[in-house]
Amino acid sequence: LRPVLSLRNTSSLKLEMNHSYGFEGILFSSEFLEENMFLVTLEVQSNPLGGGTAVNGIICFCHAMDAHPSLTCVCLTRMNLGADSEFLGMILDACKNMNHLDLSRNRIDGQNVVENAALGDPSARSASGLILEYLEKNPSLKFLSLEQNRLCDNFAFHLETLLRKNSNLQRLFLRGNGIGEEGRMAVRNA
């Protein structure tokens, strides 16, 4: 991966199926973001975070994403982000200026949507609640994909309320979740 760092005029980077991604991979991504100011799209797929990935690596990665001047499209799929709401919260905070975010296939559970503002400890907040909080605070977001997660009607009903307030979101993908007909109708009618 090191030779890729010399590609300073690259507008898109895709890192896929590096199952040993871990700490070294996340640091590589951070360095690449810091070195390449022209990057617009970052895709990291099938590289689970957590476990062996040190928190310091996630912090570096999030800082690099947040500080990047041209990054507007982030796809973080199949990374098991639903397993650790603290990591997901840091990543969402770093993506606050994105207009395109894909968090498909991350095992984000929608059953336990809670009022996150009442919970001070980020690790105690639900992953789906963090997504809703992110939507509320990110008016620049135009595209969001949450396909193939574990979202349900409870999440859809909370999402309906937010969609009525967020007029900038143009595309929302929720296929492959456990959202029933009532939840789908609520989102469609928002």
C-alpha atoms as a PDB file:
ATOM      1  CA  LEU A   1       0.000   0.000   0.000  1.00  0.00           C
ATOM      2  CA  ARG A   2       2.871   2.420   0.571  1.00  0.00           C
ATOM      3  CA  PRO A   3       3.420   3.267  -3.161  1.00  0.00           C
ATOM      4  CA  VAL A   4      -0.175   4.523  -3.292  1.00  0.00           C
ATOM      5  CA  LEU A   5       0.774   7.373  -0.956  1.00  0.00           C
ATOM      6  CA  SER A   6       2.676   9.004  -3.813  1.00  0.00           C
ATOM      7  CA  LEU A   7      -0.552   9.430  -5.830  1.00  0.00           C
ATOM      8  CA  ARG A   8      -1.214  12.975  -4.661  1.00  0.00           C
ATOM      9  CA  ASN A   9      -3.657  13.977  -7.411  1.00  0.00           C
ATOM     10  CA  THR A  10      -6.041  11.069  -7.018  1.00  0.00           C
ATOM     11  CA  SER A  11      -9.713  11.971  -6.709  1.00  0.00           C
ATOM     12  CA  SER A  12     -10.938   8.533  -5.598  1.00  0.00           C
ATOM     13  CA  LEU A  13      -9.519   5.767  -3.390  1.00  0.00           C
ATOM     14  CA  LYS A  14     -11.098   2.345  -2.918  1.00  0.00           C
ATOM     15  CA  LEU A  15      -9.771  -0.121  -0.350  1.00  0.00           C
ATOM     16  CA  GLU A  16     -11.644  -3.382  -0.395  1.00  0.00           C
ATOM     17  CA  MET A  17     -11.387  -6.756   1.334  1.00  0.00           C
ATOM     18  CA  ASN A  18      -8.196  -6.153   3.248  1.00  0.00           C
ATOM     19  CA  HIS A  19      -9.338  -8.297   6.144  1.00  0.00           C
ATOM     20  CA  SER A  20      -6.062  -7.624   7.906  1.00  0.00           C
ATOM     21  CA  TYR A  21      -6.745  -3.885   7.524  1.00  0.00           C
ATOM     22  CA  GLY A  22      -6.566  -3.269  11.272  1.00  0.00           C
ATOM     23  CA  PHE A  23      -4.414  -0.563  12.779  1.00  0.00           C
ATOM     24  CA  GLU A  24      -1.881  -0.376   9.921  1.00  0.00           C
ATOM     25  CA  GLY A  25      -4.615  -0.059   7.309  1.00  0.00           C
ATOM     26  CA  ILE A  26      -6.448   2.659   9.171  1.00  0.00           C
ATOM     27  CA  LEU A  27      -3.189   4.590   9.621  1.00  0.00           C
ATOM     28  CA  PHE A  28      -2.458   4.178   5.903  1.00  0.00           C
ATOM     29  CA  SER A  29      -5.879   5.659   5.086  1.00  0.00           C
ATOM     30  CA  SER A  30      -5.204   8.558   7.452  1.00  0.00           C
ATOM     31  CA  GLU A  31      -1.824   9.265   5.855  1.00  0.00           C
ATOM     32  CA  PHE A  32      -3.315   9.068   2.376  1.00  0.00           C
ATOM     33  CA  LEU A  33      -6.008  11.590   3.311  1.00  0.00           C
ATOM     34  CA  GLU A  34      -3.412  13.949   4.766  1.00  0.00           C
ATOM     35  CA  GLU A  35      -1.154  13.674   1.690  1.00  0.00           C
ATOM     36  CA  ASN A  36      -3.827  13.877  -1.008  1.00  0.00           C
ATOM     37  CA  MET A  37      -5.792  17.123  -0.922  1.00  0.00           C
ATOM     38  CA  PHE A  38      -7.643  16.322  -4.184  1.00  0.00           C
ATOM     39  CA  LEU A  39      -9.419  13.230  -2.908  1.00  0.00           C
ATOM     40  CA  VAL A  40     -13.183  13.562  -3.270  1.00  0.00           C
ATOM     41  CA  THR A  41     -14.318   9.947  -2.796  1.00  0.00           C
ATOM     42  CA  LEU A  42     -13.135   7.440  -0.197  1.00  0.00           C
ATOM     43  CA  GLU A  43     -14.455   3.871  -0.286  1.00  0.00           C
ATOM     44  CA  VAL A  44     -13.432   1.428   2.402  1.00  0.00           C
ATOM     45  CA  GLN A  45     -15.262  -1.887   2.097  1.00  0.00           C
ATOM     46  CA  SER A  46     -15.071  -5.233   3.885  1.00  0.00           C
ATOM     47  CA  ASN A  47     -12.457  -3.975   6.323  1.00  0.00           C
ATOM     48  CA  PRO A  48     -13.983  -4.523   9.760  1.00  0.00           C
ATOM     49  CA  LEU A  49     -12.970  -2.050  12.427  1.00  0.00           C
ATOM     50  CA  GLY A  50     -12.817  -2.886  16.088  1.00  0.00           C
ATOM     51  CA  GLY A  51     -11.172  -5.830  17.730  1.00  0.00           C
ATOM     52  CA  GLY A  52      -7.524  -5.391  16.765  1.00  0.00           C
ATOM     53  CA  THR A  53      -8.005  -1.849  15.485  1.00  0.00           C
ATOM     54  CA  ALA A  54      -6.710   0.520  18.131  1.00  0.00           C
ATOM     55  CA  VAL A  55      -8.838   3.483  19.125  1.00  0.00           C
ATOM     56  CA  ASN A  56      -5.895   5.768  18.319  1.00  0.00           C
ATOM     57  CA  GLY A  57      -6.016   4.596  14.699  1.00  0.00           C
ATOM     58  CA  ILE A  58      -9.736   5.380  14.476  1.00  0.00           C
ATOM     59  CA  ILE A  59      -9.101   8.816  15.998  1.00  0.00           C
ATOM     60  CA  CYS A  60      -6.367   9.533  13.396  1.00  0.00           C
ATOM     61  CA  PHE A  61      -8.642   8.353  10.574  1.00  0.00           C
ATOM     62  CA  CYS A  62     -11.548  10.494  11.780  1.00  0.00           C
ATOM     63  CA  HIS A  63      -9.338  13.544  12.236  1.00  0.00           C
ATOM     64  CA  ALA A  64      -7.949  13.137   8.697  1.00  0.00           C
ATOM     65  CA  MET A  65     -11.480  12.826   7.234  1.00  0.00           C
ATOM     66  CA  ASP A  66     -12.758  15.808   9.183  1.00  0.00           C
ATOM     67  CA  ALA A  67      -9.811  18.027   8.208  1.00  0.00           C
ATOM     68  CA  HIS A  68      -9.815  17.060   4.527  1.00  0.00           C
ATOM     69  CA  PRO A  69     -10.746  20.044   2.315  1.00  0.00           C
ATOM     70  CA  SER A  70     -12.304  18.244  -0.673  1.00  0.00           C
ATOM     71  CA  LEU A  71     -13.636  14.916   0.638  1.00  0.00           C
ATOM     72  CA  THR A  72     -17.409  14.881   0.115  1.00  0.00           C
ATOM     73  CA  CYS A  73     -18.229  11.224  -0.587  1.00  0.00           C
ATOM     74  CA  VAL A  74     -17.495   8.457   1.929  1.00  0.00           C
ATOM     75  CA  CYS A  75     -18.503   4.815   1.539  1.00  0.00           C
ATOM     76  CA  LEU A  76     -17.811   2.659   4.589  1.00  0.00           C
ATOM     77  CA  THR A  77     -19.530  -0.644   3.878  1.00  0.00           C
ATOM     78  CA  ARG A  78     -19.198  -4.081   5.474  1.00  0.00           C
ATOM     79  CA  MET A  79     -17.079  -2.683   8.299  1.00  0.00           C
ATOM     80  CA  ASN A  80     -19.253  -3.882  11.185  1.00  0.00           C
ATOM     81  CA  LEU A  81     -19.750  -0.322  12.438  1.00  0.00           C
ATOM     82  CA  GLY A  82     -22.971  -1.306  14.195  1.00  0.00           C
ATOM     83  CA  ALA A  83     -20.968  -3.389  16.662  1.00  0.00           C
ATOM     84  CA  ASP A  84     -19.298  -0.375  18.277  1.00  0.00           C
ATOM     85  CA  SER A  85     -21.388   2.768  18.621  1.00  0.00           C
ATOM     86  CA  GLU A  86     -18.400   4.703  19.958  1.00  0.00           C
ATOM     87  CA  PHE A  87     -16.467   4.125  16.684  1.00  0.00           C
ATOM     88  CA  LEU A  88     -19.587   4.877  14.641  1.00  0.00           C
ATOM     89  CA  GLY A  89     -20.130   8.114  16.574  1.00  0.00           C
ATOM     90  CA  MET A  90     -16.562   9.256  15.896  1.00  0.00           C
ATOM     91  CA  ILE A  91     -16.893   8.422  12.198  1.00  0.00           C
ATOM     92  CA  LEU A  92     -20.222  10.231  11.866  1.00  0.00           C
ATOM     93  CA  ASP A  93     -18.776  13.279  13.599  1.00  0.00           C
ATOM     94  CA  ALA A  94     -15.891  13.272  11.094  1.00  0.00           C
ATOM     95  CA  CYS A  95     -18.367  13.046   8.192  1.00  0.00           C
ATOM     96  CA  LYS A  96     -20.309  16.149   9.147  1.00  0.00           C
ATOM     97  CA  ASN A  97     -19.486  17.952   5.870  1.00  0.00           C
ATOM     98  CA  MET A  98     -20.208  15.068   3.522  1.00  0.00           C
ATOM     99  CA  ASN A  99     -22.929  15.190   0.917  1.00  0.00           C
ATOM    100  CA  HIS A 100     -22.749  11.436   0.163  1.00  0.00           C
ATOM    101  CA  LEU A 101     -22.518   8.757   2.866  1.00  0.00           C
ATOM    102  CA  ASP A 102     -22.884   5.018   2.405  1.00  0.00           C
ATOM    103  CA  LEU A 103     -23.051   2.892   5.562  1.00  0.00           C
ATOM    104  CA  SER A 104     -24.577  -0.208   3.975  1.00  0.00           C
ATOM    105  CA  ARG A 105     -24.067  -3.668   5.463  1.00  0.00           C
ATOM    106  CA  ASN A 106     -22.706  -2.540   8.816  1.00  0.00           C
ATOM    107  CA  ARG A 107     -25.085  -4.441  11.115  1.00  0.00           C
ATOM    108  CA  ILE A 108     -26.620  -1.232  12.420  1.00  0.00           C
ATOM    109  CA  ASP A 109     -29.551  -2.252  14.631  1.00  0.00           C
ATOM    110  CA  GLY A 110     -32.671  -0.085  14.652  1.00  0.00           C
ATOM    111  CA  GLN A 111     -34.573  -1.742  17.476  1.00  0.00           C
ATOM    112  CA  ASN A 112     -33.092   0.270  20.332  1.00  0.00           C
ATOM    113  CA  VAL A 113     -33.471   3.840  19.111  1.00  0.00           C
ATOM    114  CA  VAL A 114     -33.057   6.043  22.159  1.00  0.00           C
ATOM    115  CA  GLU A 115     -32.845   9.747  22.784  1.00  0.00           C
ATOM    116  CA  ASN A 116     -29.083  10.119  22.442  1.00  0.00           C
ATOM    117  CA  ALA A 117     -28.903  13.646  23.799  1.00  0.00           C
ATOM    118  CA  ALA A 118     -29.893  12.338  27.220  1.00  0.00           C
ATOM    119  CA  LEU A 119     -26.986   9.902  27.297  1.00  0.00           C
ATOM    120  CA  GLY A 120     -23.594  11.433  28.035  1.00  0.00           C
ATOM    121  CA  ASP A 121     -21.540   8.312  27.358  1.00  0.00           C
ATOM    122  CA  PRO A 122     -21.168   7.807  23.560  1.00  0.00           C
ATOM    123  CA  SER A 123     -20.607   4.082  24.012  1.00  0.00           C
ATOM    124  CA  ALA A 124     -24.055   3.779  25.633  1.00  0.00           C
ATOM    125  CA  ARG A 125     -25.860   5.326  22.662  1.00  0.00           C
ATOM    126  CA  SER A 126     -27.443   3.124  20.023  1.00  0.00           C
ATOM    127  CA  ALA A 127     -25.940   2.985  16.529  1.00  0.00           C
ATOM    128  CA  SER A 128     -29.286   3.791  14.890  1.00  0.00           C
ATOM    129  CA  GLY A 129     -29.814   6.681  17.306  1.00  0.00           C
ATOM    130  CA  LEU A 130     -26.439   8.060  16.255  1.00  0.00           C
ATOM    131  CA  ILE A 131     -27.521   7.865  12.604  1.00  0.00           C
ATOM    132  CA  LEU A 132     -30.674   9.844  13.403  1.00  0.00           C
ATOM    133  CA  GLU A 133     -28.669  12.398  15.360  1.00  0.00           C
ATOM    134  CA  TYR A 134     -26.260  12.707  12.430  1.00  0.00           C
ATOM    135  CA  LEU A 135     -29.118  13.322   9.981  1.00  0.00           C
ATOM    136  CA  GLU A 136     -30.520  16.028  12.214  1.00  0.00           C
ATOM    137  CA  LYS A 137     -27.162  17.844  12.450  1.00  0.00           C
ATOM    138  CA  ASN A 138     -25.982  17.445   8.837  1.00  0.00           C
ATOM    139  CA  PRO A 139     -27.973  19.634   6.463  1.00  0.00           C
ATOM    140  CA  SER A 140     -25.436  19.219   3.619  1.00  0.00           C
ATOM    141  CA  LEU A 141     -26.132  15.472   3.244  1.00  0.00           C
ATOM    142  CA  LYS A 142     -27.829  14.719  -0.082  1.00  0.00           C
ATOM    143  CA  PHE A 143     -27.324  10.933  -0.356  1.00  0.00           C
ATOM    144  CA  LEU A 144     -27.533   8.328   2.407  1.00  0.00           C
ATOM    145  CA  SER A 145     -27.462   4.569   2.009  1.00  0.00           C
ATOM    146  CA  LEU A 146     -28.269   2.347   4.976  1.00  0.00           C
ATOM    147  CA  GLU A 147     -29.085  -0.747   2.953  1.00  0.00           C
ATOM    148  CA  GLN A 148     -28.698  -4.260   4.353  1.00  0.00           C
ATOM    149  CA  ASN A 149     -28.497  -3.272   8.017  1.00  0.00           C
ATOM    150  CA  ARG A 150     -30.809  -4.320  10.849  1.00  0.00           C
ATOM    151  CA  LEU A 151     -33.100  -1.316  10.840  1.00  0.00           C
ATOM    152  CA  CYS A 152     -36.794  -1.746  11.640  1.00  0.00           C
ATOM    153  CA  ASP A 153     -40.092   0.114  11.902  1.00  0.00           C
ATOM    154  CA  ASN A 154     -39.040   1.796  15.139  1.00  0.00           C
ATOM    155  CA  PHE A 155     -36.123   3.424  13.306  1.00  0.00           C
ATOM    156  CA  ALA A 156     -38.360   4.308  10.332  1.00  0.00           C
ATOM    157  CA  PHE A 157     -40.849   6.140  12.569  1.00  0.00           C
ATOM    158  CA  HIS A 158     -38.062   8.235  14.096  1.00  0.00           C
ATOM    159  CA  LEU A 159     -36.624   8.799  10.622  1.00  0.00           C
ATOM    160  CA  GLU A 160     -39.976  10.079   9.366  1.00  0.00           C
ATOM    161  CA  THR A 161     -39.851  12.962  11.847  1.00  0.00           C
ATOM    162  CA  LEU A 162     -36.359  13.939  10.757  1.00  0.00           C
ATOM    163  CA  LEU A 163     -37.129  13.710   7.056  1.00  0.00           C
ATOM    164  CA  ARG A 164     -39.928  16.231   7.478  1.00  0.00           C
ATOM    165  CA  LYS A 165     -37.285  18.726   8.706  1.00  0.00           C
ATOM    166  CA  ASN A 166     -34.422  17.833   6.331  1.00  0.00           C
ATOM    167  CA  SER A 167     -35.281  19.060   2.846  1.00  0.00           C
ATOM    168  CA  ASN A 168     -31.745  18.639   1.440  1.00  0.00           C
ATOM    169  CA  LEU A 169     -31.633  14.837   1.512  1.00  0.00           C
ATOM    170  CA  GLN A 170     -32.392  13.790  -2.064  1.00  0.00           C
ATOM    171  CA  ARG A 171     -31.691  10.047  -2.025  1.00  0.00           C
ATOM    172  CA  LEU A 172     -32.227   7.582   0.804  1.00  0.00           C
ATOM    173  CA  PHE A 173     -31.686   3.839   0.429  1.00  0.00           C
ATOM    174  CA  LEU A 174     -33.090   1.484   3.070  1.00  0.00           C
ATOM    175  CA  ARG A 175     -33.499  -1.785   1.124  1.00  0.00           C
ATOM    176  CA  GLY A 176     -32.745  -5.050   2.854  1.00  0.00           C
ATOM    177  CA  ASN A 177     -33.642  -3.973   6.372  1.00  0.00           C
ATOM    178  CA  GLY A 178     -36.404  -5.234   8.642  1.00  0.00           C
ATOM    179  CA  ILE A 179     -38.650  -2.266   7.921  1.00  0.00           C
ATOM    180  CA  GLY A 180     -42.238  -3.398   7.459  1.00  0.00           C
ATOM    181  CA  GLU A 181     -45.063  -1.843   5.468  1.00  0.00           C
ATOM    182  CA  GLU A 182     -45.989   0.672   8.201  1.00  0.00           C
ATOM    183  CA  GLY A 183     -42.386   1.867   8.457  1.00  0.00           C
ATOM    184  CA  ARG A 184     -42.024   2.126   4.681  1.00  0.00           C
ATOM    185  CA  MET A 185     -45.233   4.156   4.463  1.00  0.00           C
ATOM    186  CA  ALA A 186     -44.047   6.495   7.206  1.00  0.00           C
ATOM    187  CA  VAL A 187     -40.763   7.170   5.379  1.00  0.00           C
ATOM    188  CA  ARG A 188     -42.503   7.551   1.990  1.00  0.00           C
ATOM    189  CA  ASN A 189     -44.987  10.051   3.410  1.00  0.00           C
ATOM    190  CA  ALA A 190     -42.358  12.199   5.104  1.00  0.00           C
END
